[in-house]
PDB file of all heavy atoms in Angstrom:
ATOM      1  N   ILE A   1      15.243   5.035  13.419  1.00  0.00           N
ATOM      2  CA  ILE A   1      14.648   4.172  14.411  1.00  0.00           C
ATOM      3  C   ILE A   1      13.792   3.062  13.770  1.00  0.00           C
ATOM      4  O   ILE A   1      13.502   2.019  14.400  1.00  0.00           O
ATOM      5  CB  ILE A   1      13.876   4.962  15.341  1.00  0.00           C
ATOM      6  CG1 ILE A   1      13.594   4.168  16.701  1.00  0.00           C
ATOM      7  CG2 ILE A   1      12.512   5.410  14.827  1.00  0.00           C
ATOM      8  CD1 ILE A   1      13.168   5.010  17.853  1.00  0.00           C
ATOM      9  N   ALA A   2      13.320   3.226  12.577  1.00  0.00           N
ATOM     10  CA  ALA A   2      12.407   2.265  11.947  1.00  0.00           C
ATOM     11  C   ALA A   2      12.809   1.875  10.522  1.00  0.00           C
ATOM     12  O   ALA A   2      11.937   1.356   9.744  1.00  0.00           O
ATOM     13  CB  ALA A   2      10.944   2.891  11.916  1.00  0.00           C
ATOM     14  N   GLY A   3      14.040   2.150  10.180  1.00  0.00           N
ATOM     15  CA  GLY A   3      14.497   2.040   8.766  1.00  0.00           C
ATOM     16  C   GLY A   3      14.361   0.625   8.228  1.00  0.00           C
ATOM     17  O   GLY A   3      14.202   0.439   6.968  1.00  0.00           O
ATOM     18  N   ASN A   4      14.491  -0.447   9.057  1.00  0.00           N
ATOM     19  CA  ASN A   4      14.449  -1.763   8.652  1.00  0.00           C
ATOM     20  C   ASN A   4      13.042  -2.327   8.509  1.00  0.00           C
ATOM     21  O   ASN A   4      12.851  -3.527   8.108  1.00  0.00           O
ATOM     22  CB  ASN A   4      15.351  -2.694   9.543  1.00  0.00           C
ATOM     23  CG  ASN A   4      14.720  -2.750  10.988  1.00  0.00           C
ATOM     24  OD1 ASN A   4      14.019  -1.869  11.367  1.00  0.00           O
ATOM     25  ND2 ASN A   4      14.970  -3.850  11.644  1.00  0.00           N
ATOM     26  N   LYS A   5      12.006  -1.518   8.919  1.00  0.00           N
ATOM     27  CA  LYS A   5      10.637  -2.038   8.895  1.00  0.00           C
ATOM     28  C   LYS A   5      10.074  -1.959   7.386  1.00  0.00           C
ATOM     29  O   LYS A   5      10.243  -0.986   6.724  1.00  0.00           O
ATOM     30  CB  LYS A   5       9.788  -1.296   9.815  1.00  0.00           C
ATOM     31  CG  LYS A   5      10.276  -1.324  11.253  1.00  0.00           C
ATOM     32  CD  LYS A   5      10.247  -2.755  11.807  1.00  0.00           C
ATOM     33  CE  LYS A   5      10.726  -2.744  13.278  1.00  0.00           C
ATOM     34  NZ  LYS A   5      10.771  -4.120  13.786  1.00  0.00           N
ATOM     35  N   GLU A   6       9.368  -3.004   7.028  1.00  0.00           N
ATOM     36  CA  GLU A   6       8.722  -2.953   5.756  1.00  0.00           C
ATOM     37  C   GLU A   6       7.370  -2.315   5.854  1.00  0.00           C
ATOM     38  O   GLU A   6       6.591  -2.655   6.717  1.00  0.00           O
ATOM     39  CB  GLU A   6       8.567  -4.390   5.121  1.00  0.00           C
ATOM     40  CG  GLU A   6       8.014  -4.358   3.691  1.00  0.00           C
ATOM     41  CD  GLU A   6       8.064  -5.771   3.071  1.00  0.00           C
ATOM     42  OE1 GLU A   6       7.161  -6.539   3.578  1.00  0.00           O
ATOM     43  OE2 GLU A   6       8.803  -6.105   2.177  1.00  0.00           O
ATOM     44  N   VAL A   7       7.099  -1.269   5.064  1.00  0.00           N
ATOM     45  CA  VAL A   7       5.860  -0.483   5.240  1.00  0.00           C
ATOM     46  C   VAL A   7       5.015  -0.547   4.030  1.00  0.00           C
ATOM     47  O   VAL A   7       5.482  -0.719   2.888  1.00  0.00           O
ATOM     48  CB  VAL A   7       6.266   1.011   5.554  1.00  0.00           C
ATOM     49  CG1 VAL A   7       7.013   1.133   6.903  1.00  0.00           C
ATOM     50  CG2 VAL A   7       7.043   1.645   4.418  1.00  0.00           C
ATOM     51  N   PRO A   8       3.635  -0.451   4.275  1.00  0.00           N
ATOM     52  CA  PRO A   8       2.717  -0.491   3.129  1.00  0.00           C
ATOM     53  C   PRO A   8       2.635   0.868   2.494  1.00  0.00           C
ATOM     54  O   PRO A   8       2.645   1.878   3.184  1.00  0.00           O
ATOM     55  CB  PRO A   8       1.378  -0.851   3.802  1.00  0.00           C
ATOM     56  CG  PRO A   8       1.508  -0.310   5.185  1.00  0.00           C
ATOM     57  CD  PRO A   8       2.967  -0.396   5.545  1.00  0.00           C
ATOM     58  N   LEU A   9       2.527   0.874   1.150  1.00  0.00           N
ATOM     59  CA  LEU A   9       2.448   2.147   0.409  1.00  0.00           C
ATOM     60  C   LEU A   9       1.254   2.196  -0.547  1.00  0.00           C
ATOM     61  O   LEU A   9       0.767   1.179  -1.023  1.00  0.00           O
ATOM     62  CB  LEU A   9       3.749   2.311  -0.538  1.00  0.00           C
ATOM     63  CG  LEU A   9       5.053   2.312   0.236  1.00  0.00           C
ATOM     64  CD1 LEU A   9       6.153   2.343  -0.793  1.00  0.00           C
ATOM     65  CD2 LEU A   9       5.169   3.377   1.212  1.00  0.00           C
ATOM     66  N   TYR A  10       0.676   3.398  -0.608  1.00  0.00           N
ATOM     67  CA  TYR A  10      -0.499   3.674  -1.397  1.00  0.00           C
ATOM     68  C   TYR A  10      -0.172   4.754  -2.395  1.00  0.00           C
ATOM     69  O   TYR A  10       0.588   5.669  -2.136  1.00  0.00           O
ATOM     70  CB  TYR A  10      -1.692   4.044  -0.490  1.00  0.00           C
ATOM     71  CG  TYR A  10      -2.058   3.040   0.532  1.00  0.00           C
ATOM     72  CD1 TYR A  10      -1.285   2.931   1.715  1.00  0.00           C
ATOM     73  CD2 TYR A  10      -3.113   2.116   0.381  1.00  0.00           C
ATOM     74  CE1 TYR A  10      -1.605   2.002   2.712  1.00  0.00           C
ATOM     75  CE2 TYR A  10      -3.413   1.203   1.301  1.00  0.00           C
ATOM     76  CZ  TYR A  10      -2.633   1.183   2.490  1.00  0.00           C
ATOM     77  OH  TYR A  10      -2.992   0.238   3.436  1.00  0.00           O
ATOM     78  N   ASP A  11      -0.815   4.722  -3.558  1.00  0.00           N
ATOM     79  CA  ASP A  11      -0.702   5.856  -4.494  1.00  0.00           C
ATOM     80  C   ASP A  11      -2.161   6.342  -4.813  1.00  0.00           C
ATOM     81  O   ASP A  11      -3.118   5.990  -4.183  1.00  0.00           O
ATOM     82  CB  ASP A  11       0.118   5.490  -5.704  1.00  0.00           C
ATOM     83  CG  ASP A  11      -0.500   4.280  -6.490  1.00  0.00           C
ATOM     84  OD1 ASP A  11      -1.681   4.097  -6.385  1.00  0.00           O
ATOM     85  OD2 ASP A  11       0.232   3.489  -7.132  1.00  0.00           O
ATOM     86  N   ASP A  12      -2.198   7.172  -5.871  1.00  0.00           N
ATOM     87  CA  ASP A  12      -3.467   7.853  -6.196  1.00  0.00           C
ATOM     88  C   ASP A  12      -4.213   7.165  -7.299  1.00  0.00           C
ATOM     89  O   ASP A  12      -5.046   7.793  -7.954  1.00  0.00           O
ATOM     90  CB  ASP A  12      -3.263   9.311  -6.468  1.00  0.00           C
ATOM     91  CG  ASP A  12      -2.275   9.538  -7.596  1.00  0.00           C
ATOM     92  OD1 ASP A  12      -1.798   8.529  -8.189  1.00  0.00           O
ATOM     93  OD2 ASP A  12      -1.996  10.742  -7.936  1.00  0.00           O
ATOM     94  N   ARG A  13      -3.917   5.871  -7.634  1.00  0.00           N
ATOM     95  CA  ARG A  13      -4.645   5.193  -8.682  1.00  0.00           C
ATOM     96  C   ARG A  13      -6.157   5.059  -8.327  1.00  0.00           C
ATOM     97  O   ARG A  13      -6.451   4.868  -7.111  1.00  0.00           O
ATOM     98  CB  ARG A  13      -4.035   3.850  -8.949  1.00  0.00           C
ATOM     99  CG  ARG A  13      -4.251   2.846  -7.894  1.00  0.00           C
ATOM    100  CD  ARG A  13      -3.507   1.467  -8.078  1.00  0.00           C
ATOM    101  NE  ARG A  13      -2.125   1.695  -7.960  1.00  0.00           N
ATOM    102  CZ  ARG A  13      -1.206   0.670  -8.014  1.00  0.00           C
ATOM    103  NH1 ARG A  13      -1.684  -0.516  -8.276  1.00  0.00           N
ATOM    104  NH2 ARG A  13       0.057   0.955  -7.887  1.00  0.00           N
ATOM    105  N   PRO A  14      -7.042   5.073  -9.305  1.00  0.00           N
ATOM    106  CA  PRO A  14      -8.443   4.928  -8.915  1.00  0.00           C
ATOM    107  C   PRO A  14      -8.796   3.535  -8.360  1.00  0.00           C
ATOM    108  O   PRO A  14      -8.123   2.513  -8.641  1.00  0.00           O
ATOM    109  CB  PRO A  14      -9.211   5.055 -10.347  1.00  0.00           C
ATOM    110  CG  PRO A  14      -8.173   5.782 -11.162  1.00  0.00           C
ATOM    111  CD  PRO A  14      -6.792   5.350 -10.693  1.00  0.00           C
ATOM    112  N   VAL A  15      -9.765   3.502  -7.519  1.00  0.00           N
ATOM    113  CA  VAL A  15     -10.197   2.239  -6.878  1.00  0.00           C
ATOM    114  C   VAL A  15     -10.716   1.294  -8.052  1.00  0.00           C
ATOM    115  O   VAL A  15     -11.497   1.699  -8.882  1.00  0.00           O
ATOM    116  CB  VAL A  15     -11.270   2.424  -5.790  1.00  0.00           C
ATOM    117  CG1 VAL A  15     -11.862   1.151  -5.331  1.00  0.00           C
ATOM    118  CG2 VAL A  15     -10.656   3.207  -4.672  1.00  0.00           C
ATOM    119  N   THR A  16     -10.377   0.020  -7.968  1.00  0.00           N
ATOM    120  CA  THR A  16     -10.893  -0.974  -8.890  1.00  0.00           C
ATOM    121  C   THR A  16     -11.537  -2.136  -7.983  1.00  0.00           C
ATOM    122  O   THR A  16     -11.322  -2.192  -6.805  1.00  0.00           O
ATOM    123  CB  THR A  16      -9.834  -1.618  -9.737  1.00  0.00           C
ATOM    124  OG1 THR A  16      -9.001  -2.468  -8.968  1.00  0.00           O
ATOM    125  CG2 THR A  16      -9.022  -0.483 -10.406  1.00  0.00           C
ATOM    126  N   HIS A  17     -12.314  -2.977  -8.689  1.00  0.00           N
ATOM    127  CA  HIS A  17     -12.999  -4.042  -7.967  1.00  0.00           C
ATOM    128  C   HIS A  17     -12.021  -5.043  -7.312  1.00  0.00           C
ATOM    129  O   HIS A  17     -12.364  -5.794  -6.472  1.00  0.00           O
ATOM    130  CB  HIS A  17     -13.941  -4.794  -8.915  1.00  0.00           C
ATOM    131  CG  HIS A  17     -13.266  -5.631  -9.962  1.00  0.00           C
ATOM    132  ND1 HIS A  17     -12.610  -5.121 -11.013  1.00  0.00           N
ATOM    133  CD2 HIS A  17     -13.086  -6.948 -10.002  1.00  0.00           C
ATOM    134  CE1 HIS A  17     -12.102  -6.100 -11.740  1.00  0.00           C
ATOM    135  NE2 HIS A  17     -12.323  -7.208 -11.147  1.00  0.00           N
ATOM    136  N   GLU A  18     -10.788  -5.092  -7.824  1.00  0.00           N
ATOM    137  CA  GLU A  18      -9.757  -5.953  -7.307  1.00  0.00           C
ATOM    138  C   GLU A  18      -9.161  -5.513  -6.013  1.00  0.00           C
ATOM    139  O   GLU A  18      -8.467  -6.275  -5.321  1.00  0.00           O
ATOM    140  CB  GLU A  18      -8.697  -6.224  -8.393  1.00  0.00           C
ATOM    141  CG  GLU A  18      -9.248  -6.864  -9.570  1.00  0.00           C
ATOM    142  CD  GLU A  18      -8.153  -7.011 -10.684  1.00  0.00           C
ATOM    143  OE1 GLU A  18      -7.151  -6.308 -10.606  1.00  0.00           O
ATOM    144  OE2 GLU A  18      -8.412  -7.788 -11.664  1.00  0.00           O
ATOM    145  N   ASP A  19      -9.349  -4.256  -5.652  1.00  0.00           N
ATOM    146  CA  ASP A  19      -8.721  -3.676  -4.442  1.00  0.00           C
ATOM    147  C   ASP A  19      -9.529  -4.070  -3.203  1.00  0.00           C
ATOM    148  O   ASP A  19     -10.736  -3.878  -3.162  1.00  0.00           O
ATOM    149  CB  ASP A  19      -8.679  -2.178  -4.518  1.00  0.00           C
ATOM    150  CG  ASP A  19      -7.794  -1.674  -5.615  1.00  0.00           C
ATOM    151  OD1 ASP A  19      -6.778  -2.307  -5.840  1.00  0.00           O
ATOM    152  OD2 ASP A  19      -8.132  -0.591  -6.217  1.00  0.00           O
ATOM    153  N   GLY A  20      -8.811  -4.684  -2.273  1.00  0.00           N
ATOM    154  CA  GLY A  20      -9.445  -4.941  -0.956  1.00  0.00           C
ATOM    155  C   GLY A  20      -9.465  -3.688  -0.161  1.00  0.00           C
ATOM    156  O   GLY A  20      -8.931  -2.647  -0.445  1.00  0.00           O
ATOM    157  N   PHE A  21     -10.201  -3.693   0.999  1.00  0.00           N
ATOM    158  CA  PHE A  21     -10.399  -2.524   1.800  1.00  0.00           C
ATOM    159  C   PHE A  21      -9.032  -2.160   2.444  1.00  0.00           C
ATOM    160  O   PHE A  21      -8.385  -2.891   3.133  1.00  0.00           O
ATOM    161  CB  PHE A  21     -11.399  -2.792   3.027  1.00  0.00           C
ATOM    162  CG  PHE A  21     -11.705  -1.612   3.832  1.00  0.00           C
ATOM    163  CD1 PHE A  21     -12.522  -0.661   3.364  1.00  0.00           C
ATOM    164  CD2 PHE A  21     -11.148  -1.452   5.041  1.00  0.00           C
ATOM    165  CE1 PHE A  21     -12.910   0.452   4.089  1.00  0.00           C
ATOM    166  CE2 PHE A  21     -11.409  -0.322   5.817  1.00  0.00           C
ATOM    167  CZ  PHE A  21     -12.253   0.688   5.379  1.00  0.00           C
ATOM    168  N   ASN A  22      -8.552  -0.938   2.084  1.00  0.00           N
ATOM    169  CA  ASN A  22      -7.249  -0.396   2.486  1.00  0.00           C
ATOM    170  C   ASN A  22      -6.097  -1.304   2.114  1.00  0.00           C
ATOM    171  O   ASN A  22      -5.105  -1.495   2.920  1.00  0.00           O
ATOM    172  CB  ASN A  22      -7.268  -0.212   4.066  1.00  0.00           C
ATOM    173  CG  ASN A  22      -7.908   1.138   4.461  1.00  0.00           C
ATOM    174  OD1 ASN A  22      -8.103   2.005   3.605  1.00  0.00           O
ATOM    175  ND2 ASN A  22      -8.178   1.270   5.717  1.00  0.00           N
ATOM    176  N   GLN A  23      -6.210  -1.964   0.948  1.00  0.00           N
ATOM    177  CA  GLN A  23      -5.219  -2.866   0.457  1.00  0.00           C
ATOM    178  C   GLN A  23      -3.992  -2.009  -0.144  1.00  0.00           C
ATOM    179  O   GLN A  23      -4.206  -1.118  -0.918  1.00  0.00           O
ATOM    180  CB  GLN A  23      -5.673  -3.746  -0.564  1.00  0.00           C
ATOM    181  CG  GLN A  23      -4.695  -4.680  -1.148  1.00  0.00           C
ATOM    182  CD  GLN A  23      -5.288  -5.686  -2.160  1.00  0.00           C
ATOM    183  OE1 GLN A  23      -6.480  -5.910  -2.229  1.00  0.00           O
ATOM    184  NE2 GLN A  23      -4.465  -6.243  -3.057  1.00  0.00           N
ATOM    185  N   ALA A  24      -2.801  -2.319   0.323  1.00  0.00           N
ATOM    186  CA  ALA A  24      -1.637  -1.514  -0.097  1.00  0.00           C
ATOM    187  C   ALA A  24      -1.325  -1.761  -1.596  1.00  0.00           C
ATOM    188  O   ALA A  24      -1.601  -2.905  -2.084  1.00  0.00           O
ATOM    189  CB  ALA A  24      -0.448  -1.870   0.757  1.00  0.00           C
ATOM    190  N   HIS A  25      -0.725  -0.892  -2.258  1.00  0.00           N
ATOM    191  CA  HIS A  25      -0.398  -0.994  -3.667  1.00  0.00           C
ATOM    192  C   HIS A  25       1.117  -1.417  -3.741  1.00  0.00           C
ATOM    193  O   HIS A  25       1.530  -1.901  -4.829  1.00  0.00           O
ATOM    194  CB  HIS A  25      -0.471   0.355  -4.446  1.00  0.00           C
ATOM    195  CG  HIS A  25      -1.920   0.820  -4.418  1.00  0.00           C
ATOM    196  ND1 HIS A  25      -2.257   2.131  -4.132  1.00  0.00           N
ATOM    197  CD2 HIS A  25      -3.097   0.199  -4.554  1.00  0.00           C
ATOM    198  CE1 HIS A  25      -3.634   2.281  -4.192  1.00  0.00           C
ATOM    199  NE2 HIS A  25      -4.094   1.058  -4.392  1.00  0.00           N
ATOM    200  N   ALA A  26       1.904  -1.243  -2.744  1.00  0.00           N
ATOM    201  CA  ALA A  26       3.295  -1.613  -2.866  1.00  0.00           C
ATOM    202  C   ALA A  26       3.906  -1.651  -1.396  1.00  0.00           C
ATOM    203  O   ALA A  26       3.205  -1.276  -0.487  1.00  0.00           O
ATOM    204  CB  ALA A  26       4.144  -0.650  -3.689  1.00  0.00           C
ATOM    205  N   LYS A  27       5.072  -2.273  -1.250  1.00  0.00           N
ATOM    206  CA  LYS A  27       5.863  -2.261   0.020  1.00  0.00           C
ATOM    207  C   LYS A  27       7.257  -1.886  -0.165  1.00  0.00           C
ATOM    208  O   LYS A  27       7.802  -2.043  -1.252  1.00  0.00           O
ATOM    209  CB  LYS A  27       5.673  -3.650   0.659  1.00  0.00           C
ATOM    210  CG  LYS A  27       4.231  -4.036   1.098  1.00  0.00           C
ATOM    211  CD  LYS A  27       4.217  -5.392   1.770  1.00  0.00           C
ATOM    212  CE  LYS A  27       2.790  -5.729   2.239  1.00  0.00           C
ATOM    213  NZ  LYS A  27       2.774  -7.059   2.946  1.00  0.00           N
ATOM    214  N   MET A  28       7.806  -1.333   0.889  1.00  0.00           N
ATOM    215  CA  MET A  28       9.128  -0.886   0.786  1.00  0.00           C
ATOM    216  C   MET A  28       9.769  -0.795   2.246  1.00  0.00           C
ATOM    217  O   MET A  28       9.030  -0.574   3.206  1.00  0.00           O
ATOM    218  CB  MET A  28       9.199   0.478   0.110  1.00  0.00           C
ATOM    219  CG  MET A  28      10.590   1.084  -0.206  1.00  0.00           C
ATOM    220  SD  MET A  28      10.433   2.793  -0.999  1.00  0.00           S
ATOM    221  CE  MET A  28       9.653   2.339  -2.602  1.00  0.00           C
TER     222      MET A  28
END
């Protein structure tokens, strides 16, 4: 039902100063 939607992905890398609030690490 949602296979064609691009979704935000997160992993377990440590937070850095470059990361925005809830900023995704990848998309798929």
